[in-house]
Amino acid sequence: MGFLYVIKNKRQTKIGITVDIRRRMNELKPDKICQVVELPGTAERELEKKLHRLFADKRLRGSEYFSLSWAERRRACRLARRAGKRVRFPDQAPRQATARWLSPGVALEVCGFGLAAGVAAVLIAQSQPNTVQPRQPPTSFAAPTKSFVSV
């Protein structure tokens, strides 16, 4: 049994395997732990090879580091999740979205990951904490300058 991990250090992404994930993360000290999955037997080696072949053109010579875009890193994480059991670390808690108060009793909450994917999640809250002062909405909005007509 072993672990496959996808981590980010500065602008590079590392895809690797280990049997002691805590020790390895302490050694590498990643900026971000993107994905860690636990796999039975030697399946982690096969998945690592598959991911390394998939991103071979993005690989930094002689290392397990890759210059991956956000979408490519997300694809690697998705493939890893499908293959094994996801492992979470205490410092890898789920993202918490920040609330912005639009008016008393109404909050707009945008999830960080969803925003990056182009999808925003809106949450209408029933109550507003006493410690936060409501934000005043802007008094005017810019009018659109172009109109679109379908033919």
C-alpha atoms as a PDB file:
ATOM      1  CA  MET A   1       0.000   0.000   0.000  1.00  0.00           C
ATOM      2  CA  GLY A   2       1.281   3.448  -0.909  1.00  0.00           C
ATOM      3  CA  PHE A   3       0.336   7.018  -1.661  1.00  0.00           C
ATOM      4  CA  LEU A   4       0.375   9.087  -4.827  1.00  0.00           C
ATOM      5  CA  TYR A   5       0.617  12.840  -4.341  1.00  0.00           C
ATOM      6  CA  VAL A   6       0.243  15.932  -6.504  1.00  0.00           C
ATOM      7  CA  ILE A   7       1.775  19.009  -4.878  1.00  0.00           C
ATOM      8  CA  LYS A   8       2.685  22.505  -5.962  1.00  0.00           C
ATOM      9  CA  ASN A   9       5.976  24.238  -5.140  1.00  0.00           C
ATOM     10  CA  LYS A  10       6.267  27.748  -6.532  1.00  0.00           C
ATOM     11  CA  ARG A  11       5.293  27.338 -10.196  1.00  0.00           C
ATOM     12  CA  GLN A  12       6.095  23.626 -10.540  1.00  0.00           C
ATOM     13  CA  THR A  13       3.889  20.637  -9.865  1.00  0.00           C
ATOM     14  CA  LYS A  14       5.362  17.426  -8.450  1.00  0.00           C
ATOM     15  CA  ILE A  15       3.726  14.061  -9.061  1.00  0.00           C
ATOM     16  CA  GLY A  16       5.255  11.330  -6.934  1.00  0.00           C
ATOM     17  CA  ILE A  17       4.703   8.293  -4.721  1.00  0.00           C
ATOM     18  CA  THR A  18       5.684   7.331  -1.195  1.00  0.00           C
ATOM     19  CA  VAL A  19       4.838   4.844   1.544  1.00  0.00           C
ATOM     20  CA  ASP A  20       5.121   7.416   4.370  1.00  0.00           C
ATOM     21  CA  ILE A  21       3.145  10.447   3.244  1.00  0.00           C
ATOM     22  CA  ARG A  22       3.647  12.561   6.396  1.00  0.00           C
ATOM     23  CA  ARG A  23       7.429  12.160   6.278  1.00  0.00           C
ATOM     24  CA  ARG A  24       7.485  12.991   2.556  1.00  0.00           C
ATOM     25  CA  MET A  25       5.382  16.135   2.962  1.00  0.00           C
ATOM     26  CA  ASN A  26       7.668  17.267   5.809  1.00  0.00           C
ATOM     27  CA  GLU A  27      10.687  16.751   3.537  1.00  0.00           C
ATOM     28  CA  LEU A  28       9.225  18.560   0.511  1.00  0.00           C
ATOM     29  CA  LYS A  29       7.394  21.328   2.405  1.00  0.00           C
ATOM     30  CA  PRO A  30       5.005  22.045  -0.488  1.00  0.00           C
ATOM     31  CA  ASP A  31       3.329  25.409  -1.007  1.00  0.00           C
ATOM     32  CA  LYS A  32       0.098  23.535  -1.665  1.00  0.00           C
ATOM     33  CA  ILE A  33      -0.993  19.909  -1.369  1.00  0.00           C
ATOM     34  CA  CYS A  34      -3.261  19.504  -4.370  1.00  0.00           C
ATOM     35  CA  GLN A  35      -4.123  15.811  -4.031  1.00  0.00           C
ATOM     36  CA  VAL A  36      -3.079  12.739  -2.042  1.00  0.00           C
ATOM     37  CA  VAL A  37      -4.633   9.331  -2.659  1.00  0.00           C
ATOM     38  CA  GLU A  38      -4.028   5.974  -1.010  1.00  0.00           C
ATOM     39  CA  LEU A  39      -3.763   3.019  -3.382  1.00  0.00           C
ATOM     40  CA  PRO A  40      -3.578  -0.732  -2.708  1.00  0.00           C
ATOM     41  CA  GLY A  41      -0.583  -2.878  -3.668  1.00  0.00           C
ATOM     42  CA  THR A  42       1.644  -1.338  -6.319  1.00  0.00           C
ATOM     43  CA  ALA A  43      -1.155   0.579  -8.044  1.00  0.00           C
ATOM     44  CA  GLU A  44       0.455   3.896  -7.068  1.00  0.00           C
ATOM     45  CA  ARG A  45       3.499   3.090  -9.264  1.00  0.00           C
ATOM     46  CA  GLU A  46       1.306   2.364 -12.269  1.00  0.00           C
ATOM     47  CA  LEU A  47      -0.735   5.538 -11.781  1.00  0.00           C
ATOM     48  CA  GLU A  48       2.430   7.607 -11.318  1.00  0.00           C
ATOM     49  CA  LYS A  49       3.859   6.235 -14.589  1.00  0.00           C
ATOM     50  CA  LYS A  50       0.574   6.960 -16.362  1.00  0.00           C
ATOM     51  CA  LEU A  51       0.533  10.580 -15.143  1.00  0.00           C
ATOM     52  CA  HIS A  52       4.231  11.041 -15.976  1.00  0.00           C
ATOM     53  CA  ARG A  53       3.585   9.787 -19.540  1.00  0.00           C
ATOM     54  CA  LEU A  54       0.505  11.990 -19.859  1.00  0.00           C
ATOM     55  CA  PHE A  55       2.481  15.143 -19.012  1.00  0.00           C
ATOM     56  CA  ALA A  56       5.866  14.055 -20.489  1.00  0.00           C
ATOM     57  CA  ASP A  57       6.113  17.169 -22.669  1.00  0.00           C
ATOM     58  CA  LYS A  58       5.732  19.405 -19.567  1.00  0.00           C
ATOM     59  CA  ARG A  59       8.317  17.555 -17.473  1.00  0.00           C
ATOM     60  CA  LEU A  60      11.419  19.293 -16.134  1.00  0.00           C
ATOM     61  CA  ARG A  61      14.415  17.234 -17.222  1.00  0.00           C
ATOM     62  CA  GLY A  62      15.555  14.575 -14.735  1.00  0.00           C
ATOM     63  CA  SER A  63      12.889  15.220 -12.111  1.00  0.00           C
ATOM     64  CA  GLU A  64       9.317  14.491 -11.109  1.00  0.00           C
ATOM     65  CA  TYR A  65       8.458  18.186 -11.473  1.00  0.00           C
ATOM     66  CA  PHE A  66       6.231  19.464 -14.252  1.00  0.00           C
ATOM     67  CA  SER A  67       5.282  22.905 -15.559  1.00  0.00           C
ATOM     68  CA  LEU A  68       1.532  22.354 -15.528  1.00  0.00           C
ATOM     69  CA  SER A  69      -1.237  24.869 -16.015  1.00  0.00           C
ATOM     70  CA  TRP A  70      -4.065  25.093 -13.523  1.00  0.00           C
ATOM     71  CA  ALA A  71      -6.300  22.948 -15.792  1.00  0.00           C
ATOM     72  CA  GLU A  72      -3.611  20.285 -16.276  1.00  0.00           C
ATOM     73  CA  ARG A  73      -2.965  20.114 -12.519  1.00  0.00           C
ATOM     74  CA  ARG A  74      -6.704  19.767 -11.947  1.00  0.00           C
ATOM     75  CA  ARG A  75      -6.831  16.934 -14.500  1.00  0.00           C
ATOM     76  CA  ALA A  76      -4.000  15.091 -12.712  1.00  0.00           C
ATOM     77  CA  CYS A  77      -5.844  15.462  -9.389  1.00  0.00           C
ATOM     78  CA  ARG A  78      -9.093  14.201 -10.914  1.00  0.00           C
ATOM     79  CA  LEU A  79      -7.379  11.106 -12.370  1.00  0.00           C
ATOM     80  CA  ALA A  80      -5.753  10.406  -8.991  1.00  0.00           C
ATOM     81  CA  ARG A  81      -9.089  10.757  -7.141  1.00  0.00           C
ATOM     82  CA  ARG A  82     -10.752   8.294  -9.486  1.00  0.00           C
ATOM     83  CA  ALA A  83      -8.019   5.702  -8.900  1.00  0.00           C
ATOM     84  CA  GLY A  84      -7.709   5.733  -5.112  1.00  0.00           C
ATOM     85  CA  LYS A  85      -9.009   6.742  -1.715  1.00  0.00           C
ATOM     86  CA  ARG A  86      -8.554  10.451  -0.978  1.00  0.00           C
ATOM     87  CA  VAL A  87      -6.424  11.377   2.047  1.00  0.00           C
ATOM     88  CA  ARG A  88      -6.781  14.719   3.868  1.00  0.00           C
ATOM     89  CA  PHE A  89      -4.248  16.384   6.115  1.00  0.00           C
ATOM     90  CA  PRO A  90      -5.142  18.651   9.041  1.00  0.00           C
ATOM     91  CA  ASP A  91      -3.533  21.590   7.193  1.00  0.00           C
ATOM     92  CA  GLN A  92      -5.476  20.675   4.032  1.00  0.00           C
ATOM     93  CA  ALA A  93      -8.907  21.622   5.413  1.00  0.00           C
ATOM     94  CA  PRO A  94     -11.684  22.342   2.919  1.00  0.00           C
ATOM     95  CA  ARG A  95     -11.767  25.905   1.672  1.00  0.00           C
ATOM     96  CA  GLN A  96     -14.047  28.236   3.506  1.00  0.00           C
ATOM     97  CA  ALA A  97     -15.646  30.919   1.428  1.00  0.00           C
ATOM     98  CA  THR A  98     -15.844  34.416   2.796  1.00  0.00           C
ATOM     99  CA  ALA A  99     -19.235  36.074   3.079  1.00  0.00           C
ATOM    100  CA  ARG A 100     -19.941  39.548   1.785  1.00  0.00           C
ATOM    101  CA  TRP A 101     -23.006  41.249   3.146  1.00  0.00           C
ATOM    102  CA  LEU A 102     -25.110  42.924   0.495  1.00  0.00           C
ATOM    103  CA  SER A 103     -27.841  44.205   2.774  1.00  0.00           C
ATOM    104  CA  PRO A 104     -29.080  43.361   6.264  1.00  0.00           C
ATOM    105  CA  GLY A 105     -29.885  39.653   6.319  1.00  0.00           C
ATOM    106  CA  VAL A 106     -28.604  38.868   2.799  1.00  0.00           C
ATOM    107  CA  ALA A 107     -25.118  37.536   2.100  1.00  0.00           C
ATOM    108  CA  LEU A 108     -23.364  36.655  -1.139  1.00  0.00           C
ATOM    109  CA  GLU A 109     -20.887  33.818  -0.668  1.00  0.00           C
ATOM    110  CA  VAL A 110     -18.474  32.915  -3.447  1.00  0.00           C
ATOM    111  CA  CYS A 111     -16.529  29.657  -3.300  1.00  0.00           C
ATOM    112  CA  GLY A 112     -12.865  30.167  -4.255  1.00  0.00           C
ATOM    113  CA  PHE A 113     -12.615  27.005  -6.344  1.00  0.00           C
ATOM    114  CA  GLY A 114     -15.937  27.605  -8.087  1.00  0.00           C
ATOM    115  CA  LEU A 115     -14.914  31.155  -8.928  1.00  0.00           C
ATOM    116  CA  ALA A 116     -11.743  29.874 -10.613  1.00  0.00           C
ATOM    117  CA  ALA A 117     -13.842  27.417 -12.610  1.00  0.00           C
ATOM    118  CA  GLY A 118     -16.186  30.210 -13.636  1.00  0.00           C
ATOM    119  CA  VAL A 119     -19.023  29.086 -11.400  1.00  0.00           C
ATOM    120  CA  ALA A 120     -20.170  31.094  -8.406  1.00  0.00           C
ATOM    121  CA  ALA A 121     -22.235  29.690  -5.572  1.00  0.00           C
ATOM    122  CA  VAL A 122     -24.722  32.086  -4.021  1.00  0.00           C
ATOM    123  CA  LEU A 123     -25.943  31.568  -0.490  1.00  0.00           C
ATOM    124  CA  ILE A 124     -28.754  33.613   0.955  1.00  0.00           C
ATOM    125  CA  ALA A 125     -28.223  33.756   4.691  1.00  0.00           C
ATOM    126  CA  GLN A 126     -31.126  34.250   7.088  1.00  0.00           C
ATOM    127  CA  SER A 127     -29.267  36.149   9.767  1.00  0.00           C
ATOM    128  CA  GLN A 128     -26.379  38.553   9.897  1.00  0.00           C
ATOM    129  CA  PRO A 129     -23.810  38.567  12.692  1.00  0.00           C
ATOM    130  CA  ASN A 130     -23.849  41.668  14.894  1.00  0.00           C
ATOM    131  CA  THR A 131     -20.104  42.230  14.483  1.00  0.00           C
ATOM    132  CA  VAL A 132     -20.217  42.921  10.736  1.00  0.00           C
ATOM    133  CA  GLN A 133     -21.573  46.228   9.453  1.00  0.00           C
ATOM    134  CA  PRO A 134     -23.709  45.956   6.289  1.00  0.00           C
ATOM    135  CA  ARG A 135     -22.170  47.167   3.066  1.00  0.00           C
ATOM    136  CA  GLN A 136     -23.959  49.833   1.088  1.00  0.00           C
ATOM    137  CA  PRO A 137     -24.654  48.843  -2.509  1.00  0.00           C
ATOM    138  CA  PRO A 138     -23.331  51.158  -5.239  1.00  0.00           C
ATOM    139  CA  THR A 139     -25.732  53.945  -6.157  1.00  0.00           C
ATOM    140  CA  SER A 140     -25.368  53.574  -9.932  1.00  0.00           C
ATOM    141  CA  PHE A 141     -24.183  51.059 -12.469  1.00  0.00           C
ATOM    142  CA  ALA A 142     -22.586  51.710 -15.841  1.00  0.00           C
ATOM    143  CA  ALA A 143     -24.971  51.251 -18.748  1.00  0.00           C
ATOM    144  CA  PRO A 144     -23.973  48.714 -21.406  1.00  0.00           C
ATOM    145  CA  THR A 145     -22.373  50.354 -24.432  1.00  0.00           C
ATOM    146  CA  LYS A 146     -23.107  47.668 -27.027  1.00  0.00           C
ATOM    147  CA  SER A 147     -26.271  45.810 -27.880  1.00  0.00           C
ATOM    148  CA  PHE A 148     -26.348  42.426 -29.503  1.00  0.00           C
ATOM    149  CA  VAL A 149     -28.933  41.430 -32.083  1.00  0.00           C
ATOM    150  CA  SER A 150     -29.325  37.877 -33.308  1.00  0.00           C
ATOM    151  CA  VAL A 151     -30.239  37.468 -36.944  1.00  0.00           C
END
